[in-house]
């Protein structure tokens, strides 16, 4: 172990991210010191950048924090030079070289979330995807994404929650995936929070469930309902095309249940086997753009495009949080924000949600 003051110019360019990784894991300096076989004072010195660990100690630190050495210690690059690192890339949307990504640390690992563009503006990005096959990304800035909150799920209202968390000093990174994928990411410790409205799904062990809202799902149709649709039994009509959701989504589950109850074969529905829409908003946009006559989505998604809505079911949308994350600052701010009347009013007015149980622990 050597002092930075005695090292070469190249060694002086080493940046330590050890402190951020340790805090993200909720690990005490003494505990990390025991795992690495050094003193607590040495841990503090490495975090401050006063000492650079040798290879053996660096590997022990990375193993204890469940990350890589490169994520703990890195050579500073020349100004304006992109730095390539490995990240766990969330499989949401289309992944291609140059795709914009938002970054978040989850359990010491760097997680990259595809950032979708919005109307008339480019998406926020911390990095660009360099190699989808090898999960390598080019960082656009040196800011450490520790302390952010990664929520995986399909609720369009996550943008509302993001604005309110911003005021609480928490950066929310949203992975737009269906409920099944969200719970899988939570189980793999690649998300802090997972949103779900699946029926009968068992959450991973040691997970706390909090109510986000009660929402309505139903048939979303073009403005004025030009096809005069009155229920799912009419989806088999030759003049009706469906924008379907992917397997594993709550909307697909609801549609399949209602088709079976109505005695309608899925293969008789035009569009059922087409490339699925990746969320409530995308499915509703296809209806709005005239690419489909209807879809199954939330009332909030229908409202966003001024479309007609025929309710089929009322469902609870819940947030699953690993119990080990409950004491972290970001999750505490999330739970505090769920209790704010300002958030609830906006969810009710903008999305049509029932927020009477929002923030309550349900499991």
Protein backbone atom coordinates (compact mmCIF):
# COMPACT_ATOMS: atom_id res chain seq x y z
CA UNK A 1 0.00 0.00 0.00
CA UNK A 2 1.62 3.27 -1.03
CA UNK A 3 0.86 6.94 -0.56
CA UNK A 4 -0.42 8.85 -3.54
CA UNK A 5 2.11 11.55 -2.77
CA UNK A 6 4.95 9.13 -3.53
CA UNK A 7 3.49 7.64 -6.69
CA UNK A 8 4.13 8.37 -10.34
CA UNK A 9 2.08 10.84 -12.37
CA UNK A 10 0.00 7.98 -13.82
CA UNK A 11 -0.80 6.65 -10.35
CA UNK A 12 -1.84 10.08 -9.16
CA UNK A 13 -4.63 9.96 -11.77
CA UNK A 14 -6.39 7.12 -9.95
CA UNK A 15 -9.93 8.02 -8.79
CA UNK A 16 -11.43 6.17 -5.84
CA UNK A 17 -15.16 5.38 -5.80
CA UNK A 18 -14.81 3.12 -2.79
CA UNK A 19 -16.74 5.34 -0.38
CA UNK A 20 -19.80 5.59 -2.65
CA UNK A 21 -19.84 1.83 -3.27
CA UNK A 22 -19.55 1.06 0.45
CA UNK A 23 -22.36 3.47 1.37
CA UNK A 24 -24.56 2.05 -1.38
CA UNK A 25 -24.11 -1.43 0.09
CA UNK A 26 -24.77 -0.14 3.62
CA UNK A 27 -21.49 -1.67 4.80
CA UNK A 28 -19.53 -0.27 7.75
CA UNK A 29 -15.87 0.61 7.21
CA UNK A 30 -14.85 -1.89 9.91
CA UNK A 31 -16.77 -4.70 8.19
CA UNK A 32 -15.17 -3.93 4.83
CA UNK A 33 -11.75 -3.72 6.47
CA UNK A 34 -12.15 -7.24 7.91
CA UNK A 35 -13.20 -8.60 4.51
CA UNK A 36 -10.19 -7.02 2.80
CA UNK A 37 -7.69 -7.85 5.57
CA UNK A 38 -6.74 -4.23 6.26
CA UNK A 39 -7.42 -1.71 9.02
CA UNK A 40 -10.42 0.61 9.17
CA UNK A 41 -8.02 3.57 8.88
CA UNK A 42 -6.71 2.12 5.63
CA UNK A 43 -10.25 1.93 4.25
CA UNK A 44 -10.75 5.62 5.07
CA UNK A 45 -7.41 6.48 3.45
CA UNK A 46 -8.34 4.63 0.26
CA UNK A 47 -11.72 6.34 0.19
CA UNK A 48 -10.05 9.72 0.55
CA UNK A 49 -7.62 8.91 -2.26
CA UNK A 50 -4.56 8.97 0.00
CA UNK A 51 -3.65 5.33 -0.67
CA UNK A 52 -3.94 2.99 -3.64
CA UNK A 53 -4.49 -0.69 -2.78
CA UNK A 54 -2.40 -3.47 -4.25
CA UNK A 55 -4.04 -6.00 -6.57
CA UNK A 56 -4.91 -8.54 -3.87
CA UNK A 57 -6.61 -5.97 -1.63
CA UNK A 58 -8.45 -4.38 -4.57
CA UNK A 59 -9.83 -7.79 -5.55
CA UNK A 60 -10.96 -8.48 -1.97
CA UNK A 61 -12.68 -5.10 -1.83
CA UNK A 62 -14.49 -5.74 -5.12
CA UNK A 63 -15.60 -9.19 -3.97
CA UNK A 64 -16.91 -7.87 -0.65
CA UNK A 65 -18.86 -5.11 -2.41
CA UNK A 66 -20.07 -7.40 -5.24
CA UNK A 67 -18.62 -5.21 -7.96
CA UNK A 68 -15.50 -4.96 -10.13
CA UNK A 69 -12.14 -3.39 -9.36
CA UNK A 70 -12.67 -1.02 -12.28
CA UNK A 71 -15.84 0.31 -10.63
CA UNK A 72 -13.94 1.01 -7.38
CA UNK A 73 -10.71 2.47 -8.77
CA UNK A 74 -10.22 4.00 -12.20
CA UNK A 75 -7.67 6.05 -14.09
CA UNK A 76 -8.86 9.54 -14.86
CA UNK A 77 -9.14 10.22 -18.57
CA UNK A 78 -8.17 13.35 -20.40
CA UNK A 79 -10.87 15.99 -20.45
CA UNK A 80 -13.59 15.18 -22.96
CA UNK A 81 -12.48 11.55 -23.38
CA UNK A 82 -15.22 8.95 -22.99
CA UNK A 83 -14.47 6.07 -20.62
CA UNK A 84 -15.71 2.57 -21.36
CA UNK A 85 -16.93 0.42 -18.48
CA UNK A 86 -19.06 -2.68 -18.10
CA UNK A 87 -22.63 -2.36 -16.83
CA UNK A 88 -25.66 -4.58 -16.35
CA UNK A 89 -27.91 -3.38 -19.20
CA UNK A 90 -31.66 -3.67 -18.54
CA UNK A 91 -33.39 -5.38 -21.50
CA UNK A 92 -35.97 -2.65 -22.08
CA UNK A 93 -36.83 -1.40 -25.55
CA UNK A 94 -34.43 -1.67 -28.49
CA UNK A 95 -30.75 -2.05 -27.63
CA UNK A 96 -28.31 -0.80 -30.25
CA UNK A 97 -24.81 0.68 -30.39
CA UNK A 98 -25.08 4.34 -29.44
CA UNK A 99 -28.34 3.93 -27.51
CA UNK A 100 -28.63 6.55 -24.70
CA UNK A 101 -28.59 5.14 -21.18
CA UNK A 102 -29.24 6.33 -17.64
CA UNK A 103 -27.07 4.84 -14.92
CA UNK A 104 -27.76 3.77 -11.36
CA UNK A 105 -25.89 1.72 -8.77
CA UNK A 106 -27.87 -1.15 -7.27
CA UNK A 107 -26.17 -3.22 -4.60
CA UNK A 108 -22.75 -2.00 -5.72
CA UNK A 109 -23.34 -2.93 -9.38
CA UNK A 110 -23.58 -0.40 -12.19
CA UNK A 111 -26.94 -0.79 -13.95
CA UNK A 112 -27.71 0.86 -17.29
CA UNK A 113 -31.31 1.66 -18.26
CA UNK A 114 -32.25 2.52 -21.88
CA UNK A 115 -33.56 6.08 -22.04
CA UNK A 116 -36.49 6.51 -24.43
CA UNK A 117 -36.91 9.80 -26.34
CA UNK A 118 -39.97 11.93 -25.67
CA UNK A 119 -41.80 14.11 -28.16
CA UNK A 120 -39.57 16.88 -29.53
CA UNK A 121 -36.66 16.24 -27.20
CA UNK A 122 -33.74 13.87 -26.83
CA UNK A 123 -33.72 11.63 -23.75
CA UNK A 124 -31.50 12.19 -20.70
CA UNK A 125 -28.29 10.17 -20.88
CA UNK A 126 -25.33 9.41 -18.60
CA UNK A 127 -23.73 7.01 -21.09
CA UNK A 128 -24.04 5.49 -24.56
CA UNK A 129 -24.25 1.78 -25.24
CA UNK A 130 -21.01 0.76 -26.95
CA UNK A 131 -21.38 -2.99 -27.37
CA UNK A 132 -24.76 -4.61 -26.59
CA UNK A 133 -23.29 -8.13 -26.66
CA UNK A 134 -20.57 -7.33 -24.10
CA UNK A 135 -22.65 -4.82 -22.07
CA UNK A 136 -20.01 -2.13 -22.41
CA UNK A 137 -21.01 1.51 -22.15
CA UNK A 138 -19.24 4.82 -22.76
CA UNK A 139 -19.61 7.23 -19.86
CA UNK A 140 -20.49 10.79 -20.80
CA UNK A 141 -19.62 12.22 -17.39
CA UNK A 142 -17.72 11.24 -14.26
CA UNK A 143 -20.59 11.70 -11.82
CA UNK A 144 -21.12 8.69 -9.56
CA UNK A 145 -24.72 7.42 -9.94
CA UNK A 146 -24.76 6.08 -6.39
CA UNK A 147 -27.71 7.30 -4.34
CA UNK A 148 -30.14 7.18 -7.26
CA UNK A 149 -33.28 5.06 -7.14
CA UNK A 150 -33.99 2.54 -9.90
CA UNK A 151 -37.66 1.63 -10.30
CA UNK A 152 -38.62 -1.05 -12.82
CA UNK A 153 -42.24 -1.25 -13.97
CA UNK A 154 -44.86 -0.29 -16.51
CA UNK A 155 -46.77 2.55 -14.83
CA UNK A 156 -46.81 5.71 -16.99
CA UNK A 157 -47.21 7.74 -13.79
CA UNK A 158 -43.56 7.13 -12.92
CA UNK A 159 -42.87 10.49 -14.59
CA UNK A 160 -45.12 12.14 -11.99
CA UNK A 161 -43.29 10.35 -9.19
CA UNK A 162 -39.95 11.40 -10.70
CA UNK A 163 -40.86 15.09 -10.47
CA UNK A 164 -41.84 14.79 -6.82
CA UNK A 165 -38.71 12.79 -5.93
CA UNK A 166 -36.59 15.47 -7.60
CA UNK A 167 -37.90 17.91 -5.01
CA UNK A 168 -36.86 15.44 -2.30
CA UNK A 169 -33.31 15.33 -3.69
CA UNK A 170 -33.57 11.84 -5.22
CA UNK A 171 -32.83 11.09 -8.87
CA UNK A 172 -35.23 8.42 -10.13
CA UNK A 173 -34.14 6.15 -12.96
CA UNK A 174 -37.08 4.32 -14.53
CA UNK A 175 -36.79 1.01 -16.39
CA UNK A 176 -39.90 0.65 -18.56
CA UNK A 177 -40.54 -3.10 -18.35
CA UNK A 178 -43.60 -5.23 -17.67
CA UNK A 179 -44.49 -6.54 -14.23
CA UNK A 180 -42.92 -9.96 -14.74
CA UNK A 181 -39.58 -8.51 -15.86
CA UNK A 182 -39.69 -5.93 -13.06
CA UNK A 183 -40.02 -8.62 -10.40
CA UNK A 184 -37.27 -10.65 -12.05
CA UNK A 185 -34.93 -7.65 -11.96
CA UNK A 186 -35.77 -7.13 -8.30
CA UNK A 187 -34.98 -10.76 -7.55
CA UNK A 188 -31.64 -10.44 -9.35
CA UNK A 189 -30.86 -7.27 -7.37
CA UNK A 190 -30.80 -5.13 -10.50
CA UNK A 191 -33.55 -2.77 -9.29
CA UNK A 192 -34.30 -1.12 -5.98
CA UNK A 193 -38.07 -1.15 -6.56
CA UNK A 194 -40.37 -3.16 -8.84
CA UNK A 195 -43.89 -2.12 -9.83
CA UNK A 196 -46.39 -4.90 -10.40
CA UNK A 197 -50.07 -5.53 -11.07
CA UNK A 198 -49.83 -9.25 -11.86
CA UNK A 199 -52.38 -11.51 -10.26
CA UNK A 200 -51.25 -14.57 -8.34
CA UNK A 201 -47.52 -13.81 -8.70
CA UNK A 202 -45.34 -14.66 -5.71
CA UNK A 203 -42.88 -11.86 -4.87
CA UNK A 204 -39.25 -12.74 -4.06
CA UNK A 205 -38.43 -13.50 -0.43
CA UNK A 206 -37.65 -10.65 1.98
CA UNK A 207 -39.61 -8.11 -0.05
CA UNK A 208 -41.95 -5.43 1.33
CA UNK A 209 -44.98 -4.43 -0.74
CA UNK A 210 -46.36 -0.88 -0.72
CA UNK A 211 -49.53 0.29 -2.44
CA UNK A 212 -48.99 2.86 -5.19
CA UNK A 213 -52.51 3.22 -6.51
CA UNK A 214 -55.72 1.58 -7.60
CA UNK A 215 -56.13 1.99 -11.34
CA UNK A 216 -58.46 0.87 -14.11
CA UNK A 217 -57.46 -1.19 -17.11
CA UNK A 218 -59.66 -1.59 -20.13
CA UNK A 219 -60.10 -1.31 -23.86
CA UNK A 220 -58.55 1.84 -25.30
CA UNK A 221 -60.11 2.93 -28.60
CA UNK A 222 -59.78 5.79 -31.06
CA UNK A 223 -61.51 9.05 -30.21
CA UNK A 224 -65.24 8.73 -30.80
CA UNK A 225 -64.97 4.91 -30.89
CA UNK A 226 -65.42 4.76 -34.69
CA UNK A 227 -65.55 0.94 -34.68
CA UNK A 228 -68.33 1.02 -32.04
CA UNK A 229 -66.56 -1.55 -29.84
CA UNK A 230 -68.50 -2.64 -26.76
CA UNK A 231 -66.32 -5.45 -25.37
CA UNK A 232 -63.49 -7.92 -26.00
CA UNK A 233 -65.87 -10.34 -27.75
CA UNK A 234 -65.82 -7.95 -30.72
CA UNK A 235 -62.05 -8.18 -31.18
CA UNK A 236 -62.55 -11.12 -33.52
CA UNK A 237 -64.28 -8.88 -36.05
CA UNK A 238 -62.50 -8.71 -39.40
CA UNK A 239 -62.43 -4.89 -39.35
CA UNK A 240 -60.73 -4.60 -35.93
CA UNK A 241 -56.97 -4.69 -35.29
CA UNK A 242 -55.46 -4.99 -31.82
CA UNK A 243 -52.21 -3.51 -30.51
CA UNK A 244 -51.19 -6.31 -28.14
CA UNK A 245 -48.81 -6.27 -25.16
CA UNK A 246 -45.96 -8.71 -24.57
CA UNK A 247 -46.20 -11.97 -22.63
CA UNK A 248 -45.64 -11.44 -18.93
CA UNK A 249 -47.42 -8.09 -18.85
CA UNK A 250 -50.48 -7.55 -16.68
CA UNK A 251 -52.38 -6.16 -19.67
CA UNK A 252 -51.73 -9.31 -21.71
CA UNK A 253 -52.81 -11.41 -18.72
CA UNK A 254 -56.08 -9.46 -18.44
CA UNK A 255 -56.76 -9.66 -22.18
CA UNK A 256 -56.17 -13.42 -22.30
CA UNK A 257 -58.49 -13.95 -19.31
CA UNK A 258 -61.27 -11.92 -20.93
CA UNK A 259 -60.86 -13.59 -24.34
CA UNK A 260 -61.16 -17.04 -22.73
CA UNK A 261 -64.23 -15.95 -20.77
CA UNK A 262 -65.83 -14.65 -23.98
CA UNK A 263 -64.95 -17.83 -25.89
CA UNK A 264 -62.80 -15.90 -28.39
CA UNK A 265 -59.71 -17.68 -29.76
CA UNK A 266 -56.59 -15.52 -29.67
CA UNK A 267 -55.66 -16.54 -33.22
CA UNK A 268 -58.92 -15.03 -34.48
CA UNK A 269 -57.91 -11.53 -33.26
CA UNK A 270 -56.08 -9.48 -35.90
CA UNK A 271 -52.86 -8.06 -34.47
CA UNK A 272 -52.69 -10.48 -31.52
CA UNK A 273 -49.47 -12.04 -32.83
CA UNK A 274 -47.89 -8.83 -34.17
CA UNK A 275 -44.83 -7.25 -32.58
CA UNK A 276 -46.10 -6.31 -29.11
CA UNK A 277 -46.12 -2.79 -27.69
CA UNK A 278 -43.63 -2.21 -24.89
CA UNK A 279 -45.94 -0.49 -22.44
CA UNK A 280 -49.31 1.15 -21.78
CA UNK A 281 -48.29 4.39 -23.47
CA UNK A 282 -46.79 2.73 -26.55
CA UNK A 283 -49.88 0.56 -27.03
CA UNK A 284 -52.16 3.60 -26.69
CA UNK A 285 -49.97 5.62 -29.04
CA UNK A 286 -50.46 2.98 -31.73
CA UNK A 287 -54.20 3.47 -31.40
CA UNK A 288 -53.78 7.25 -31.48
CA UNK A 289 -51.58 7.01 -34.60
CA UNK A 290 -54.11 4.82 -36.42
CA UNK A 291 -51.84 1.76 -36.43
CA UNK A 292 -54.43 -0.20 -34.43
CA UNK A 293 -58.08 0.15 -33.50
CA UNK A 294 -57.73 -0.76 -29.83
CA UNK A 295 -55.49 -2.07 -27.09
CA UNK A 296 -55.70 -3.00 -23.42
CA UNK A 297 -54.09 -0.34 -21.23
CA UNK A 298 -54.78 1.91 -18.25
CA UNK A 299 -57.21 4.80 -18.18
CA UNK A 300 -54.20 7.08 -17.60
CA UNK A 301 -52.65 6.00 -20.93
CA UNK A 302 -55.95 6.61 -22.73
CA UNK A 303 -56.21 10.07 -21.15
CA UNK A 304 -52.70 10.96 -22.31
CA UNK A 305 -53.84 10.76 -25.96
CA UNK A 306 -57.48 11.77 -25.53
CA UNK A 307 -58.74 8.27 -26.45
CA UNK A 308 -61.92 6.43 -25.53
CA UNK A 309 -61.81 4.01 -22.61
CA UNK A 310 -63.99 1.03 -21.73
CA UNK A 311 -63.08 -0.29 -18.23
CA UNK A 312 -62.54 -4.03 -17.82
CA UNK A 313 -60.99 -4.29 -14.34
CA UNK A 314 -59.81 -2.32 -11.32
CA UNK A 315 -56.35 -3.37 -10.17
CA UNK A 316 -53.84 -2.54 -7.46
CA UNK A 317 -50.45 -1.37 -8.68
CA UNK A 318 -47.94 -2.10 -5.93
CA UNK A 319 -44.27 -1.30 -5.36
CA UNK A 320 -42.07 -4.19 -4.23
CA UNK A 321 -38.97 -3.16 -2.28
CA UNK A 322 -36.26 -5.46 -0.96
CA UNK A 323 -36.22 -5.24 2.82
CA UNK A 324 -32.47 -4.58 2.84
CA UNK A 325 -33.14 -1.31 0.96
CA UNK A 326 -35.74 0.03 3.40
CA UNK A 327 -33.19 1.93 5.48
CA UNK A 328 -31.46 3.65 2.57
CA UNK A 329 -31.92 7.37 2.07
CA UNK A 330 -33.45 7.05 -1.41
CA UNK A 331 -36.09 4.52 -0.34
CA UNK A 332 -36.93 6.50 2.79
CA UNK A 333 -37.52 9.57 0.61
CA UNK A 334 -39.67 7.47 -1.72
CA UNK A 335 -41.91 6.29 1.11
CA UNK A 336 -42.15 9.84 2.49
CA UNK A 337 -43.09 11.14 -0.97
CA UNK A 338 -45.86 8.54 -1.36
CA UNK A 339 -47.50 10.07 1.71
CA UNK A 340 -47.50 13.61 0.29
CA UNK A 341 -50.92 15.00 -0.59
CA UNK A 342 -49.45 16.91 -3.55
CA UNK A 343 -48.39 13.66 -5.24
CA UNK A 344 -51.75 12.05 -4.56
CA UNK A 345 -53.69 15.02 -5.98
CA UNK A 346 -51.66 14.92 -9.18
CA UNK A 347 -52.10 11.15 -9.59
CA UNK A 348 -55.84 11.51 -9.10
CA UNK A 349 -56.27 14.48 -11.46
CA UNK A 350 -53.83 13.50 -14.20
CA UNK A 351 -54.15 9.71 -14.16
CA UNK A 352 -57.55 9.04 -12.61
CA UNK A 353 -55.99 6.88 -9.90
CA UNK A 354 -57.54 6.05 -6.54
CA UNK A 355 -54.83 7.02 -4.02
CA UNK A 356 -56.73 6.31 -0.79
CA UNK A 357 -54.21 3.54 0.06
CA UNK A 358 -51.10 5.04 -1.54
CA UNK A 359 -48.02 4.50 0.64
CA UNK A 360 -49.62 1.80 2.83
CA UNK A 361 -47.58 -1.32 3.42
CA UNK A 362 -49.68 -4.25 2.21
CA UNK A 363 -47.26 -7.16 2.71
